[in-house]
Amino acid sequence: MSIAWLLTALTTGLVGSLHCVGMCGPLAMALPVGRLPHAQRALGVGTYHLARLTAYATVGATFGLAGQGFLLMGLQRPLSICAGLLLLAWTLWARGKFGSLITAKSTRWIVGPIGHLLQEPAWYSFTALGFLNGLLPCGFVYVALAGAITTGNAADSAIYMAIFGAGTVPALLLVRAVPSLFPLSLRRRFTRLMPIMAVCVAVLLLARGLYHPGTSAGHSSDQPIPVCHGPLIVGK
């Protein structure tokens, strides 16, 4: 997996971080760290974010296994093209309003346990809260998953999603420290970048699937084929 492709994960996370402030910021600010000893509060917040990134990586690994199956069948390029087309179609259909696709029913199974865990300032609560937060439906997570599934294996897909999650951490740390830095108007402005980011990732997926390196007209088809006792030249 190239560094450039990993940068798409980080960029998606950074661009989506202010959207995360609106969606996940209230949860990050409601963490029961105030009931911990002062010296343990930073560790509590860190545990929460580490668990959240673990959830992203776990989901990424699951999608990566599916992508690995397509790779073994020789269908990685068609998968990349399909993922790009689906992402474009989804963006056009939703008209960029990805938040409207997330309903109360789709989050009810996860919001209830989160409410109970917020009442318990225990270490397992911070871990569970972070992991459940990472499983919440989110438009930017869907965009990142479209890129992760085309990596071709579970490990790379998990790394891709973990880097995406890392891109969201700075804003969520800042919103706890200085809430005034993220007024509603600023968050709405960055939410409008979501469809732009989705289209950019979709175009990259299409380019990745359509690009055939080394197939130019001037490229010779006389390639050495490695065999047990030396190269065999074909085309002569």
Protein backbone atom coordinates (compact mmCIF):
# COMPACT_ATOMS: atom_id res chain seq x y z
CA MET A 1 0.00 0.00 0.00
CA SER A 2 1.53 3.31 -1.10
CA ILE A 3 2.12 6.34 1.11
CA ALA A 4 -0.07 8.39 -1.26
CA TRP A 5 -2.97 6.03 -0.68
CA LEU A 6 -2.50 6.20 3.09
CA LEU A 7 -2.62 9.99 2.80
CA THR A 8 -6.16 9.71 1.43
CA ALA A 9 -7.12 8.01 4.70
CA LEU A 10 -5.48 10.72 6.81
CA THR A 11 -6.98 13.51 4.69
CA THR A 12 -10.45 11.98 4.95
CA GLY A 13 -10.05 11.88 8.73
CA LEU A 14 -8.75 15.45 8.97
CA VAL A 15 -11.46 16.86 6.70
CA GLY A 16 -14.10 14.87 8.53
CA SER A 17 -12.84 15.80 11.98
CA LEU A 18 -15.03 18.89 12.34
CA HIS A 19 -18.01 16.82 11.23
CA CYS A 20 -16.95 14.40 13.97
CA VAL A 21 -16.94 17.29 16.42
CA GLY A 22 -20.63 17.81 15.69
CA MET A 23 -21.53 14.10 15.73
CA CYS A 24 -19.10 12.63 18.29
CA GLY A 25 -17.98 15.81 20.08
CA PRO A 26 -20.85 15.74 22.62
CA LEU A 27 -19.90 12.17 23.51
CA ALA A 28 -16.21 13.06 23.83
CA MET A 29 -17.13 15.98 26.11
CA ALA A 30 -19.50 13.81 28.17
CA LEU A 31 -16.85 11.23 29.06
CA PRO A 32 -16.87 10.75 32.85
CA VAL A 33 -13.24 11.78 33.22
CA GLY A 34 -14.16 14.35 35.87
CA ARG A 35 -14.76 11.51 38.31
CA LEU A 36 -11.25 10.13 37.81
CA PRO A 37 -8.21 11.31 39.79
CA HIS A 38 -6.67 14.29 38.00
CA ALA A 39 -3.51 12.35 37.09
CA GLN A 40 -5.58 9.63 35.35
CA ARG A 41 -7.82 11.86 33.23
CA ALA A 42 -5.52 12.09 30.22
CA LEU A 43 -5.11 8.32 30.32
CA GLY A 44 -8.90 7.91 30.35
CA VAL A 45 -9.30 10.10 27.27
CA GLY A 46 -6.42 8.30 25.57
CA THR A 47 -8.01 4.92 26.32
CA TYR A 48 -11.26 6.11 24.75
CA HIS A 49 -9.58 7.23 21.52
CA LEU A 50 -7.39 4.13 21.30
CA ALA A 51 -10.49 1.96 21.57
CA ARG A 52 -12.22 4.07 18.92
CA LEU A 53 -9.31 3.58 16.51
CA THR A 54 -9.35 -0.13 17.33
CA ALA A 55 -13.00 -0.26 16.28
CA TYR A 56 -12.17 1.44 12.97
CA ALA A 57 -9.29 -1.00 12.42
CA THR A 58 -11.53 -3.98 13.22
CA VAL A 59 -14.18 -2.85 10.74
CA GLY A 60 -11.41 -2.15 8.22
CA ALA A 61 -9.96 -5.65 8.66
CA THR A 62 -13.41 -7.17 8.09
CA PHE A 63 -13.85 -5.25 4.84
CA GLY A 64 -10.24 -6.01 3.94
CA LEU A 65 -10.94 -9.75 4.12
CA ALA A 66 -13.69 -9.26 1.55
CA GLY A 67 -11.28 -7.22 -0.58
CA GLN A 68 -8.68 -9.97 -0.27
CA GLY A 69 -11.20 -12.45 -1.66
CA PHE A 70 -11.72 -10.23 -4.70
CA LEU A 71 -7.94 -9.93 -5.11
CA LEU A 72 -7.50 -13.71 -5.10
CA MET A 73 -10.16 -13.95 -7.81
CA GLY A 74 -8.29 -11.34 -9.86
CA LEU A 75 -11.08 -8.80 -9.39
CA GLN A 76 -9.30 -6.05 -7.46
CA ARG A 77 -9.45 -3.53 -10.32
CA PRO A 78 -13.16 -4.17 -11.00
CA LEU A 79 -13.74 -3.85 -7.22
CA SER A 80 -11.98 -0.47 -7.19
CA ILE A 81 -14.07 0.73 -10.16
CA CYS A 82 -17.31 -0.50 -8.57
CA ALA A 83 -16.43 1.14 -5.23
CA GLY A 84 -15.73 4.44 -7.02
CA LEU A 85 -18.97 4.30 -9.00
CA LEU A 86 -21.03 3.39 -5.93
CA LEU A 87 -19.44 6.21 -3.95
CA LEU A 88 -20.23 8.68 -6.74
CA ALA A 89 -23.81 7.40 -7.06
CA TRP A 90 -24.31 7.56 -3.30
CA THR A 91 -22.98 11.13 -3.16
CA LEU A 92 -25.29 12.27 -5.96
CA TRP A 93 -28.28 10.45 -4.51
CA ALA A 94 -27.73 11.89 -1.02
CA ARG A 95 -26.84 15.31 -2.51
CA GLY A 96 -24.07 15.52 0.04
CA LYS A 97 -26.50 15.29 2.98
CA PHE A 98 -25.00 12.12 4.39
CA GLY A 99 -26.17 12.94 7.88
CA SER A 100 -29.79 12.53 6.77
CA LEU A 101 -29.07 8.85 5.99
CA ILE A 102 -28.39 8.12 9.66
CA THR A 103 -31.69 7.48 11.46
CA ALA A 104 -32.55 6.96 15.09
CA LYS A 105 -33.29 3.29 14.35
CA SER A 106 -29.83 2.71 12.88
CA THR A 107 -28.15 3.97 16.07
CA ARG A 108 -30.59 2.82 18.76
CA TRP A 109 -28.73 -0.45 19.39
CA ILE A 110 -25.57 1.48 20.21
CA VAL A 111 -26.87 4.67 21.85
CA GLY A 112 -28.57 2.81 24.73
CA PRO A 113 -25.40 1.07 25.99
CA ILE A 114 -23.42 4.31 25.54
CA GLY A 115 -25.86 6.12 27.85
CA HIS A 116 -25.33 3.52 30.59
CA LEU A 117 -21.55 3.49 30.21
CA LEU A 118 -21.36 7.27 30.61
CA GLN A 119 -22.56 6.82 34.19
CA GLU A 120 -19.64 4.55 35.12
CA PRO A 121 -16.15 6.13 35.39
CA ALA A 122 -14.38 2.75 35.10
CA TRP A 123 -11.62 1.83 32.65
CA TYR A 124 -13.77 -0.71 30.88
CA SER A 125 -16.32 2.09 30.32
CA PHE A 126 -13.79 4.27 28.46
CA THR A 127 -12.75 1.26 26.37
CA ALA A 128 -16.33 0.26 25.56
CA LEU A 129 -17.39 3.86 24.86
CA GLY A 130 -14.54 4.33 22.40
CA PHE A 131 -15.19 1.03 20.63
CA LEU A 132 -18.95 1.66 20.36
CA ASN A 133 -18.31 5.20 19.12
CA GLY A 134 -16.17 3.73 16.35
CA LEU A 135 -19.12 1.59 15.24
CA LEU A 136 -21.58 4.49 14.96
CA PRO A 137 -22.85 5.08 11.39
CA CYS A 138 -21.04 8.03 9.80
CA GLY A 139 -20.75 9.33 6.24
CA PHE A 140 -17.00 9.89 6.48
CA VAL A 141 -16.49 6.34 7.79
CA TYR A 142 -18.30 5.04 4.70
CA VAL A 143 -16.04 7.11 2.47
CA ALA A 144 -12.95 5.74 4.24
CA LEU A 145 -14.24 2.16 3.99
CA ALA A 146 -14.63 2.55 0.23
CA GLY A 147 -10.90 3.21 0.07
CA ALA A 148 -9.99 0.55 2.64
CA ILE A 149 -11.71 -2.36 0.91
CA THR A 150 -9.57 -1.91 -2.22
CA THR A 151 -6.27 -2.36 -0.36
CA GLY A 152 -6.50 -6.09 -1.01
CA ASN A 153 -5.83 -7.51 2.45
CA ALA A 154 -7.08 -7.30 6.01
CA ALA A 155 -3.90 -5.83 7.55
CA ASP A 156 -3.61 -2.94 5.07
CA SER A 157 -7.32 -2.22 5.35
CA ALA A 158 -7.06 -2.12 9.15
CA ILE A 159 -4.07 0.26 8.93
CA TYR A 160 -5.97 2.45 6.44
CA MET A 161 -8.95 2.79 8.80
CA ALA A 162 -6.74 3.34 11.86
CA ILE A 163 -4.99 6.21 10.05
CA PHE A 164 -8.40 7.63 9.10
CA GLY A 165 -9.37 7.51 12.78
CA ALA A 166 -6.10 9.15 13.82
CA GLY A 167 -6.97 12.08 11.55
CA THR A 168 -10.11 12.74 13.61
CA VAL A 169 -8.33 12.73 17.00
CA PRO A 170 -6.83 16.28 17.07
CA ALA A 171 -10.18 18.05 16.62
CA LEU A 172 -11.89 15.83 19.20
CA LEU A 173 -9.12 16.57 21.71
CA LEU A 174 -9.35 20.30 21.01
CA VAL A 175 -13.12 20.41 21.41
CA ARG A 176 -12.70 19.15 24.97
CA ALA A 177 -9.96 21.68 25.73
CA VAL A 178 -11.32 24.74 23.89
CA PRO A 179 -14.98 24.26 22.87
CA SER A 180 -15.22 27.85 21.59
CA LEU A 181 -12.86 26.98 18.72
CA PHE A 182 -15.64 25.01 17.02
CA PRO A 183 -18.77 27.16 16.66
CA LEU A 184 -21.75 25.65 14.87
CA SER A 185 -21.20 27.81 11.78
CA LEU A 186 -17.65 26.47 11.36
CA ARG A 187 -18.78 22.87 11.78
CA ARG A 188 -21.49 23.34 9.16
CA ARG A 189 -18.94 24.80 6.77
CA PHE A 190 -16.71 21.77 7.04
CA THR A 191 -19.65 19.38 6.76
CA ARG A 192 -20.17 20.80 3.26
CA LEU A 193 -16.74 19.41 2.35
CA MET A 194 -18.00 15.86 2.82
CA PRO A 195 -19.41 15.42 -0.71
CA ILE A 196 -16.25 17.01 -2.18
CA MET A 197 -14.08 14.55 -0.26
CA ALA A 198 -16.33 11.66 -1.29
CA VAL A 199 -16.04 12.61 -4.96
CA CYS A 200 -12.24 12.94 -4.67
CA VAL A 201 -11.94 9.45 -3.15
CA ALA A 202 -14.33 8.08 -5.79
CA VAL A 203 -12.20 9.55 -8.60
CA LEU A 204 -9.05 8.05 -7.05
CA LEU A 205 -10.75 4.66 -6.81
CA LEU A 206 -11.79 4.85 -10.46
CA ALA A 207 -8.30 5.89 -11.53
CA ARG A 208 -6.79 3.08 -9.48
CA GLY A 209 -9.05 0.55 -11.18
CA LEU A 210 -8.70 1.89 -14.71
CA TYR A 211 -4.97 2.58 -14.77
CA HIS A 212 -2.93 -0.22 -16.34
CA PRO A 213 0.79 0.45 -15.82
CA GLY A 214 3.15 -0.85 -18.46
CA THR A 215 0.57 -1.38 -21.19
CA SER A 216 1.51 1.46 -23.48
CA ALA A 217 1.70 0.88 -27.25
CA GLY A 218 5.50 1.02 -27.29
CA HIS A 219 5.86 -1.57 -24.54
CA SER A 220 7.36 -4.82 -25.83
CA SER A 221 5.51 -8.04 -25.19
CA ASP A 222 8.77 -9.99 -25.27
CA GLN A 223 9.12 -10.52 -21.52
CA PRO A 224 11.41 -13.02 -19.79
CA ILE A 225 9.40 -15.61 -17.89
CA PRO A 226 11.29 -16.97 -14.89
CA VAL A 227 11.55 -20.77 -14.83
CA CYS A 228 13.53 -23.18 -12.69
CA HIS A 229 16.69 -23.13 -14.84
CA GLY A 230 16.70 -19.53 -16.05
CA PRO A 231 14.51 -17.10 -17.98
CA LEU A 232 12.55 -18.25 -20.98
CA ILE A 233 12.07 -15.56 -23.64
CA VAL A 234 8.74 -15.61 -25.43
CA GLY A 235 7.80 -13.86 -28.65
CA LYS A 236 11.03 -14.73 -30.51
